[in-house]
Every structure is written in structure tokens, then in C-alpha cells.
Amino acid sequence: EKEDISQSDLQENMKVLKLSNDAVKIYAKHSEDIMRKI
């Protein structure tokens, strides 16, 4: 890769971080529902 990692790539990686955090919160609801049933 001639251009190397750019500033826009840094921003894309920050998007991955935010989306990964959202995924944890969404899936955690499954566990909360199960514990509520228990």
C-alpha cells in the first residue's frame, strides 16, 4: 500500500469501536431477559 494508513482510516477504525460497543449492549439484552425469566 503506497499511501499507507490515512487519517480517514483512523476514523473508520473509530467507527468499528463504536459499533462493537453497540453490539455488546444489544446482545446483553438477551442475557437480561433470561435472568428476568429465571
All heavy atoms as atom14 arrays in JSON, in Angstrom:
{
  "sequence": "EKEDISQSDLQENMKVLKLSNDAVKIYAKHSEDIMRKI",
  "atom14_mask": [
    [1, 1, 1, 1, 1, 1, 1, 1, 1, 0, 0, 0, 0, 0],
    [1, 1, 1, 1, 1, 1, 1, 1, 1, 0, 0, 0, 0, 0],
    [1, 1, 1, 1, 1, 1, 1, 1, 1, 0, 0, 0, 0, 0],
    [1, 1, 1, 1, 1, 1, 1, 1, 0, 0, 0, 0, 0, 0],
    [1, 1, 1, 1, 1, 1, 1, 1, 0, 0, 0, 0, 0, 0],
    [1, 1, 1, 1, 1, 1, 0, 0, 0, 0, 0, 0, 0, 0],
    [1, 1, 1, 1, 1, 1, 1, 1, 1, 0, 0, 0, 0, 0],
    [1, 1, 1, 1, 1, 1, 0, 0, 0, 0, 0, 0, 0, 0],
    [1, 1, 1, 1, 1, 1, 1, 1, 0, 0, 0, 0, 0, 0],
    [1, 1, 1, 1, 1, 1, 1, 1, 0, 0, 0, 0, 0, 0],
    [1, 1, 1, 1, 1, 1, 1, 1, 1, 0, 0, 0, 0, 0],
    [1, 1, 1, 1, 1, 1, 1, 1, 1, 0, 0, 0, 0, 0],
    [1, 1, 1, 1, 1, 1, 1, 1, 0, 0, 0, 0, 0, 0],
    [1, 1, 1, 1, 1, 1, 1, 1, 0, 0, 0, 0, 0, 0],
    [1, 1, 1, 1, 1, 1, 1, 1, 1, 0, 0, 0, 0, 0],
    [1, 1, 1, 1, 1, 1, 1, 0, 0, 0, 0, 0, 0, 0],
    [1, 1, 1, 1, 1, 1, 1, 1, 0, 0, 0, 0, 0, 0],
    [1, 1, 1, 1, 1, 1, 1, 1, 1, 0, 0, 0, 0, 0],
    [1, 1, 1, 1, 1, 1, 1, 1, 0, 0, 0, 0, 0, 0],
    [1, 1, 1, 1, 1, 1, 0, 0, 0, 0, 0, 0, 0, 0],
    [1, 1, 1, 1, 1, 1, 1, 1, 0, 0, 0, 0, 0, 0],
    [1, 1, 1, 1, 1, 1, 1, 1, 0, 0, 0, 0, 0, 0],
    [1, 1, 1, 1, 1, 0, 0, 0, 0, 0, 0, 0, 0, 0],
    [1, 1, 1, 1, 1, 1, 1, 0, 0, 0, 0, 0, 0, 0],
    [1, 1, 1, 1, 1, 1, 1, 1, 1, 0, 0, 0, 0, 0],
    [1, 1, 1, 1, 1, 1, 1, 1, 0, 0, 0, 0, 0, 0],
    [1, 1, 1, 1, 1, 1, 1, 1, 1, 1, 1, 1, 0, 0],
    [1, 1, 1, 1, 1, 0, 0, 0, 0, 0, 0, 0, 0, 0],
    [1, 1, 1, 1, 1, 1, 1, 1, 1, 0, 0, 0, 0, 0],
    [1, 1, 1, 1, 1, 1, 1, 1, 1, 1, 0, 0, 0, 0],
    [1, 1, 1, 1, 1, 1, 0, 0, 0, 0, 0, 0, 0, 0],
    [1, 1, 1, 1, 1, 1, 1, 1, 1, 0, 0, 0, 0, 0],
    [1, 1, 1, 1, 1, 1, 1, 1, 0, 0, 0, 0, 0, 0],
    [1, 1, 1, 1, 1, 1, 1, 1, 0, 0, 0, 0, 0, 0],
    [1, 1, 1, 1, 1, 1, 1, 1, 0, 0, 0, 0, 0, 0],
    [1, 1, 1, 1, 1, 1, 1, 1, 1, 1, 1, 0, 0, 0],
    [1, 1, 1, 1, 1, 1, 1, 1, 1, 0, 0, 0, 0, 0],
    [1, 1, 1, 1, 1, 1, 1, 1, 0, 0, 0, 0, 0, 0]
  ],
  "atom14_positions": [
    [[0.85, -1.2, 0.0], [0.0, 0.0, 0.0], [0.88, 1.25, 0.0], [1.59, 1.53, 0.97], [-0.92, 0.0, 1.23], [-1.86, 1.17, 1.3], [-2.78, 1.24, 0.11], [-3.49, 0.27, -0.18], [-2.74, 2.29, -0.57], [0.0, 0.0, 0.0], [0.0, 0.0, 0.0], [0.0, 0.0, 0.0], [0.0, 0.0, 0.0], [0.0, 0.0, 0.0]],
    [[0.86, 1.98, -1.08], [1.75, 3.14, -1.24], [1.35, 4.29, -0.31], [2.2, 4.97, 0.25], [1.72, 3.62, -2.69], [2.35, 2.63, -3.67], [2.28, 3.17, -5.08], [2.89, 2.14, -6.06], [2.8, 2.63, -7.46], [0.0, 0.0, 0.0], [0.0, 0.0, 0.0], [0.0, 0.0, 0.0], [0.0, 0.0, 0.0], [0.0, 0.0, 0.0]],
    [[0.04, 4.52, -0.17], [-0.42, 5.68, 0.59], [-0.37, 5.44, 2.1], [-0.49, 6.38, 2.87], [-1.85, 6.04, 0.19], [-1.94, 6.5, -1.26], [-3.35, 6.85, -1.64], [-4.24, 6.74, -0.76], [-3.58, 7.24, -2.78], [0.0, 0.0, 0.0], [0.0, 0.0, 0.0], [0.0, 0.0, 0.0], [0.0, 0.0, 0.0], [0.0, 0.0, 0.0]],
    [[-0.19, 4.19, 2.52], [-0.13, 3.86, 3.93], [-1.48, 4.16, 4.61], [-2.46, 4.48, 3.95], [0.99, 4.64, 4.62], [1.55, 3.9, 5.82], [0.86, 3.0, 6.31], [2.67, 4.19, 6.24], [0.0, 0.0, 0.0], [0.0, 0.0, 0.0], [0.0, 0.0, 0.0], [0.0, 0.0, 0.0], [0.0, 0.0, 0.0], [0.0, 0.0, 0.0]],
    [[-1.52, 4.1, 5.94], [-2.75, 4.35, 6.69], [-2.98, 5.85, 6.76], [-2.09, 6.61, 7.12], [-2.66, 3.74, 8.1], [-2.62, 2.22, 8.0], [-3.83, 4.18, 8.96], [-2.38, 1.52, 9.31], [0.0, 0.0, 0.0], [0.0, 0.0, 0.0], [0.0, 0.0, 0.0], [0.0, 0.0, 0.0], [0.0, 0.0, 0.0], [0.0, 0.0, 0.0]],
    [[-4.19, 6.26, 6.4], [-4.52, 7.69, 6.36], [-5.36, 8.09, 7.56], [-5.79, 7.25, 8.36], [-5.27, 8.01, 5.08], [-6.51, 7.32, 5.08], [0.0, 0.0, 0.0], [0.0, 0.0, 0.0], [0.0, 0.0, 0.0], [0.0, 0.0, 0.0], [0.0, 0.0, 0.0], [0.0, 0.0, 0.0], [0.0, 0.0, 0.0], [0.0, 0.0, 0.0]],
    [[-5.64, 9.37, 7.66], [-6.47, 9.87, 8.76], [-7.9, 9.35, 8.63], [-8.56, 9.09, 9.64], [-6.46, 11.4, 8.75], [-7.06, 11.99, 10.02], [-6.79, 13.47, 10.14], [-6.15, 14.06, 9.26], [-7.25, 14.08, 11.21], [0.0, 0.0, 0.0], [0.0, 0.0, 0.0], [0.0, 0.0, 0.0], [0.0, 0.0, 0.0], [0.0, 0.0, 0.0]],
    [[-8.38, 9.19, 7.41], [-9.72, 8.65, 7.21], [-9.81, 7.2, 7.69], [-10.86, 6.76, 8.17], [-10.11, 8.73, 5.73], [-9.25, 7.94, 4.94], [0.0, 0.0, 0.0], [0.0, 0.0, 0.0], [0.0, 0.0, 0.0], [0.0, 0.0, 0.0], [0.0, 0.0, 0.0], [0.0, 0.0, 0.0], [0.0, 0.0, 0.0], [0.0, 0.0, 0.0]],
    [[-8.68, 6.47, 7.57], [-8.65, 5.1, 8.09], [-8.78, 5.08, 9.6], [-9.41, 4.19, 10.18], [-7.35, 4.39, 7.67], [-7.25, 4.2, 6.17], [-8.3, 3.93, 5.55], [-6.15, 4.31, 5.62], [0.0, 0.0, 0.0], [0.0, 0.0, 0.0], [0.0, 0.0, 0.0], [0.0, 0.0, 0.0], [0.0, 0.0, 0.0], [0.0, 0.0, 0.0]],
    [[-8.18, 6.08, 10.23], [-8.3, 6.2, 11.69], [-9.76, 6.4, 12.09], [-10.24, 5.83, 13.06], [-7.46, 7.38, 12.2], [-5.94, 7.28, 12.05], [-5.28, 8.57, 12.49], [-5.39, 6.11, 12.85], [0.0, 0.0, 0.0], [0.0, 0.0, 0.0], [0.0, 0.0, 0.0], [0.0, 0.0, 0.0], [0.0, 0.0, 0.0], [0.0, 0.0, 0.0]],
    [[-10.45, 7.21, 11.31], [-11.87, 7.48, 11.59], [-12.72, 6.22, 11.39], [-13.66, 5.98, 12.15], [-12.37, 8.61, 10.69], [-11.73, 9.95, 11.01], [-12.07, 11.02, 9.99], [-12.61, 10.72, 8.94], [-11.74, 12.28, 10.31], [0.0, 0.0, 0.0], [0.0, 0.0, 0.0], [0.0, 0.0, 0.0], [0.0, 0.0, 0.0], [0.0, 0.0, 0.0]],
    [[-12.38, 5.43, 10.36], [-13.1, 4.18, 10.12], [-12.92, 3.21, 11.29], [-13.85, 2.53, 11.7], [-12.61, 3.53, 8.82], [-13.04, 4.25, 7.57], [-14.55, 4.33, 7.44], [-15.2, 3.26, 7.36], [-15.09, 5.45, 7.42], [0.0, 0.0, 0.0], [0.0, 0.0, 0.0], [0.0, 0.0, 0.0], [0.0, 0.0, 0.0], [0.0, 0.0, 0.0]],
    [[-11.7, 3.18, 11.82], [-11.45, 2.3, 12.96], [-12.24, 2.74, 14.19], [-12.72, 1.91, 14.97], [-9.95, 2.27, 13.29], [-9.62, 1.25, 14.35], [-9.75, 0.05, 14.13], [-9.23, 1.71, 15.52], [0.0, 0.0, 0.0], [0.0, 0.0, 0.0], [0.0, 0.0, 0.0], [0.0, 0.0, 0.0], [0.0, 0.0, 0.0], [0.0, 0.0, 0.0]],
    [[-12.41, 4.04, 14.36], [-13.21, 4.55, 15.47], [-14.68, 4.14, 15.3], [-15.38, 3.9, 16.29], [-13.09, 6.07, 15.57], [-11.71, 6.55, 16.01], [-11.17, 5.84, 17.58], [-12.37, 6.53, 18.7], [0.0, 0.0, 0.0], [0.0, 0.0, 0.0], [0.0, 0.0, 0.0], [0.0, 0.0, 0.0], [0.0, 0.0, 0.0], [0.0, 0.0, 0.0]],
    [[-15.14, 4.06, 14.06], [-16.5, 3.58, 13.79], [-16.66, 2.13, 14.24], [-17.68, 1.75, 14.82], [-16.82, 3.68, 12.3], [-17.14, 5.06, 11.81], [-17.52, 5.01, 10.33], [-17.71, 6.4, 9.76], [-18.03, 6.34, 8.3], [0.0, 0.0, 0.0], [0.0, 0.0, 0.0], [0.0, 0.0, 0.0], [0.0, 0.0, 0.0], [0.0, 0.0, 0.0]],
    [[-15.64, 1.32, 13.96], [-15.66, -0.09, 14.37], [-15.76, -0.19, 15.88], [-16.52, -1.01, 16.42], [-14.4, -0.84, 13.87], [-14.33, -2.25, 14.46], [-14.38, -0.9, 12.35], [0.0, 0.0, 0.0], [0.0, 0.0, 0.0], [0.0, 0.0, 0.0], [0.0, 0.0, 0.0], [0.0, 0.0, 0.0], [0.0, 0.0, 0.0], [0.0, 0.0, 0.0]],
    [[-15.02, 0.67, 16.58], [-15.06, 0.68, 18.05], [-16.46, 1.0, 18.55], [-17.0, 0.31, 19.43], [-14.06, 1.71, 18.58], [-14.1, 2.01, 20.09], [-13.87, 0.73, 20.9], [-13.05, 3.05, 20.46], [0.0, 0.0, 0.0], [0.0, 0.0, 0.0], [0.0, 0.0, 0.0], [0.0, 0.0, 0.0], [0.0, 0.0, 0.0], [0.0, 0.0, 0.0]],
    [[-17.08, 2.03, 17.99], [-18.43, 2.43, 18.43], [-19.45, 1.33, 18.12], [-20.3, 1.0, 18.97], [-18.85, 3.72, 17.74], [-20.23, 4.21, 18.15], [-20.64, 5.43, 17.39], [-22.05, 5.89, 17.82], [-23.07, 4.84, 17.66], [0.0, 0.0, 0.0], [0.0, 0.0, 0.0], [0.0, 0.0, 0.0], [0.0, 0.0, 0.0], [0.0, 0.0, 0.0]],
    [[-19.37, 0.77, 16.92], [-20.32, -0.28, 16.53], [-20.16, -1.54, 17.38], [-21.14, -2.2, 17.72], [-20.13, -0.62, 15.05], [-20.52, 0.48, 14.05], [-20.06, 0.11, 12.65], [-22.02, 0.73, 14.07], [0.0, 0.0, 0.0], [0.0, 0.0, 0.0], [0.0, 0.0, 0.0], [0.0, 0.0, 0.0], [0.0, 0.0, 0.0], [0.0, 0.0, 0.0]],
    [[-18.92, -1.87, 17.72], [-18.65, -3.05, 18.58], [-19.25, -2.84, 19.95], [-19.8, -3.78, 20.56], [-17.14, -3.29, 18.69], [-16.58, -3.61, 17.44], [0.0, 0.0, 0.0], [0.0, 0.0, 0.0], [0.0, 0.0, 0.0], [0.0, 0.0, 0.0], [0.0, 0.0, 0.0], [0.0, 0.0, 0.0], [0.0, 0.0, 0.0], [0.0, 0.0, 0.0]],
    [[-19.16, -1.63, 20.46], [-19.76, -1.3, 21.75], [-21.28, -1.43, 21.69], [-21.91, -1.97, 22.61], [-19.38, 0.13, 22.14], [-19.86, 0.49, 23.54], [-19.57, -0.2, 24.5], [-20.59, 1.58, 23.64], [0.0, 0.0, 0.0], [0.0, 0.0, 0.0], [0.0, 0.0, 0.0], [0.0, 0.0, 0.0], [0.0, 0.0, 0.0], [0.0, 0.0, 0.0]],
    [[-21.89, -0.98, 20.59], [-23.34, -1.1, 20.41], [-23.76, -2.57, 20.36], [-24.81, -2.94, 20.92], [-23.77, -0.41, 19.1], [-23.6, 1.09, 19.16], [-23.49, 1.64, 20.27], [-23.57, 1.72, 18.07], [0.0, 0.0, 0.0], [0.0, 0.0, 0.0], [0.0, 0.0, 0.0], [0.0, 0.0, 0.0], [0.0, 0.0, 0.0], [0.0, 0.0, 0.0]],
    [[-22.94, -3.41, 19.69], [-23.27, -4.84, 19.57], [-23.3, -5.52, 20.93], [-24.17, -6.36, 21.2], [-22.26, -5.53, 18.65], [0.0, 0.0, 0.0], [0.0, 0.0, 0.0], [0.0, 0.0, 0.0], [0.0, 0.0, 0.0], [0.0, 0.0, 0.0], [0.0, 0.0, 0.0], [0.0, 0.0, 0.0], [0.0, 0.0, 0.0], [0.0, 0.0, 0.0]],
    [[-22.36, -5.15, 21.81], [-22.33, -5.73, 23.17], [-23.61, -5.37, 23.92], [-24.24, -6.22, 24.56], [-21.1, -5.23, 23.96], [-21.15, -5.74, 25.39], [-19.82, -5.7, 23.3], [0.0, 0.0, 0.0], [0.0, 0.0, 0.0], [0.0, 0.0, 0.0], [0.0, 0.0, 0.0], [0.0, 0.0, 0.0], [0.0, 0.0, 0.0], [0.0, 0.0, 0.0]],
    [[-24.02, -4.11, 23.83], [-25.22, -3.65, 24.55], [-26.47, -4.37, 24.05], [-27.33, -4.75, 24.85], [-25.37, -2.14, 24.38], [-24.33, -1.34, 25.12], [-24.53, 0.16, 24.9], [-23.5, 0.98, 25.65], [-23.68, 2.43, 25.4], [0.0, 0.0, 0.0], [0.0, 0.0, 0.0], [0.0, 0.0, 0.0], [0.0, 0.0, 0.0], [0.0, 0.0, 0.0]],
    [[-26.55, -4.54, 22.73], [-27.73, -5.19, 22.15], [-27.81, -6.65, 22.6], [-28.87, -7.12, 23.03], [-27.71, -5.11, 20.61], [-27.91, -3.67, 20.15], [-28.79, -6.01, 20.0], [-27.66, -3.45, 18.66], [0.0, 0.0, 0.0], [0.0, 0.0, 0.0], [0.0, 0.0, 0.0], [0.0, 0.0, 0.0], [0.0, 0.0, 0.0], [0.0, 0.0, 0.0]],
    [[-26.67, -7.36, 22.52], [-26.71, -8.79, 22.87], [-26.88, -8.99, 24.37], [-27.44, -10.01, 24.81], [-25.44, -9.5, 22.4], [-25.67, -10.96, 22.14], [-26.15, -11.4, 20.91], [-25.47, -11.92, 23.14], [-26.41, -12.74, 20.68], [-25.73, -13.25, 22.91], [-26.19, -13.66, 21.68], [-26.47, -14.99, 21.46], [0.0, 0.0, 0.0], [0.0, 0.0, 0.0]],
    [[-26.42, -8.03, 25.16], [-26.58, -8.15, 26.63], [-28.05, -8.2, 27.03], [-28.39, -8.76, 28.09], [-25.88, -6.98, 27.32], [0.0, 0.0, 0.0], [0.0, 0.0, 0.0], [0.0, 0.0, 0.0], [0.0, 0.0, 0.0], [0.0, 0.0, 0.0], [0.0, 0.0, 0.0], [0.0, 0.0, 0.0], [0.0, 0.0, 0.0], [0.0, 0.0, 0.0]],
    [[-28.92, -7.65, 26.18], [-30.36, -7.69, 26.49], [-30.88, -9.12, 26.53], [-31.8, -9.43, 27.28], [-31.14, -6.88, 25.44], [-30.91, -5.38, 25.55], [-31.69, -4.62, 24.48], [-31.44, -3.12, 24.55], [-32.16, -2.4, 23.47], [0.0, 0.0, 0.0], [0.0, 0.0, 0.0], [0.0, 0.0, 0.0], [0.0, 0.0, 0.0], [0.0, 0.0, 0.0]],
    [[-30.29, -10.01, 25.7], [-30.71, -11.42, 25.72], [-30.47, -12.02, 27.1], [-31.32, -12.71, 27.65], [-29.93, -12.23, 24.68], [-30.19, -11.82, 23.28], [-31.46, -11.6, 22.78], [-29.35, -11.6, 22.23], [-31.4, -11.26, 21.52], [-30.13, -11.25, 21.15], [0.0, 0.0, 0.0], [0.0, 0.0, 0.0], [0.0, 0.0, 0.0], [0.0, 0.0, 0.0]],
    [[-29.29, -11.75, 27.63], [-28.94, -12.29, 28.95], [-29.84, -11.71, 30.04], [-30.26, -12.41, 30.96], [-27.47, -11.96, 29.26], [-27.06, -12.54, 30.48], [0.0, 0.0, 0.0], [0.0, 0.0, 0.0], [0.0, 0.0, 0.0], [0.0, 0.0, 0.0], [0.0, 0.0, 0.0], [0.0, 0.0, 0.0], [0.0, 0.0, 0.0], [0.0, 0.0, 0.0]],
    [[-30.15, -10.41, 29.91], [-31.04, -9.77, 30.89], [-32.43, -10.39, 30.85], [-33.06, -10.59, 31.9], [-31.13, -8.27, 30.6], [-29.84, -7.52, 30.9], [-29.88, -6.08, 30.42], [-30.95, -5.66, 29.91], [-28.86, -5.39, 30.53], [0.0, 0.0, 0.0], [0.0, 0.0, 0.0], [0.0, 0.0, 0.0], [0.0, 0.0, 0.0], [0.0, 0.0, 0.0]],
    [[-32.92, -10.7, 29.65], [-34.25, -11.33, 29.51], [-34.26, -12.71, 30.16], [-35.24, -13.09, 30.83], [-34.62, -11.46, 28.03], [-34.92, -10.11, 27.39], [-35.19, -9.16, 28.15], [-34.86, -10.02, 26.15], [0.0, 0.0, 0.0], [0.0, 0.0, 0.0], [0.0, 0.0, 0.0], [0.0, 0.0, 0.0], [0.0, 0.0, 0.0], [0.0, 0.0, 0.0]],
    [[-33.18, -13.47, 29.97], [-33.1, -14.81, 30.55], [-33.06, -14.72, 32.08], [-33.77, -15.45, 32.77], [-31.85, -15.56, 30.04], [-32.02, -15.9, 28.55], [-31.62, -16.85, 30.84], [-30.79, -16.51, 27.91], [0.0, 0.0, 0.0], [0.0, 0.0, 0.0], [0.0, 0.0, 0.0], [0.0, 0.0, 0.0], [0.0, 0.0, 0.0], [0.0, 0.0, 0.0]],
    [[-32.27, -13.79, 32.62], [-32.18, -13.64, 34.07], [-33.52, -13.2, 34.66], [-33.9, -13.62, 35.76], [-31.1, -12.61, 34.42], [-29.68, -13.1, 34.2], [-29.32, -14.68, 35.02], [-29.64, -14.26, 36.74], [0.0, 0.0, 0.0], [0.0, 0.0, 0.0], [0.0, 0.0, 0.0], [0.0, 0.0, 0.0], [0.0, 0.0, 0.0], [0.0, 0.0, 0.0]],
    [[-34.26, -12.37, 33.91], [-35.59, -11.95, 34.37], [-36.53, -13.15, 34.47], [-37.28, -13.29, 35.44], [-36.15, -10.9, 33.41], [-37.35, -10.14, 33.97], [-37.83, -9.07, 33.01], [-36.81, -8.06, 32.78], [-36.16, -7.87, 31.64], [-36.43, -8.64, 30.59], [-35.27, -6.93, 31.5], [0.0, 0.0, 0.0], [0.0, 0.0, 0.0], [0.0, 0.0, 0.0]],
    [[-36.47, -14.03, 33.46], [-37.29, -15.24, 33.48], [-36.91, -16.15, 34.66], [-37.77, -16.71, 35.33], [-37.12, -16.01, 32.17], [-37.82, -15.38, 30.98], [-37.59, -16.23, 29.74], [-38.23, -15.59, 28.51], [-37.96, -16.39, 27.29], [0.0, 0.0, 0.0], [0.0, 0.0, 0.0], [0.0, 0.0, 0.0], [0.0, 0.0, 0.0], [0.0, 0.0, 0.0]],
    [[-35.6, -16.3, 34.88], [-35.12, -17.15, 35.98], [-35.63, -16.63, 37.32], [-36.09, -17.39, 38.17], [-33.59, -17.23, 35.98], [-33.09, -18.05, 34.77], [-33.07, -17.88, 37.27], [-31.59, -18.05, 34.59], [0.0, 0.0, 0.0], [0.0, 0.0, 0.0], [0.0, 0.0, 0.0], [0.0, 0.0, 0.0], [0.0, 0.0, 0.0], [0.0, 0.0, 0.0]]
  ]
}
